[in-house]
Amino acid sequence: MAASDTSTGAGRPAMKTAGRLALGVLAWVTVVPLVGLLCMWLGRSFFDSPEASRVTIYVIEAINIGAAAWLYWYAVPSVPHWGRRVAYFIAFVVLMVLASALAVFAVKLLFVVLVMFLR
């Protein structure tokens, strides 16, 4: 095993780019709905005006996009070939869209189940 194939000091193989990207997207999909729920609760609790609620929604969207950009920057190292960088970006966007759609579906399903059983 070459020195570049191991992580620093652990003796284990370093995680490949695809693995870092998939774990990052999984963490993003897990955290984003929780942050959204927290901000919705804070918006209703502390801000009474509709303008403040709208600003809260824009702040949530900015945080989500910023987190996704940071995740891409962190997970995809600089590569010597632009073709591979483009392929990673396309895979990242597709994975984020699919994971986000799945998270939205899961939240809607959870909401429907809660409404049905709490009647």
Foldseek 3Di string as FASTA:
>chain_A
DDPQQCDPPPRHGDDDLVVLLVVLLVVLLVVLVVVVVVLVVCCVPPPDDPVSVVVSVVVSVVVSVVSLVVSLPVSDDDDPDVVVVVVSVVVSVVSNVVSNVVSVVVVVVVVVVCVVVVD
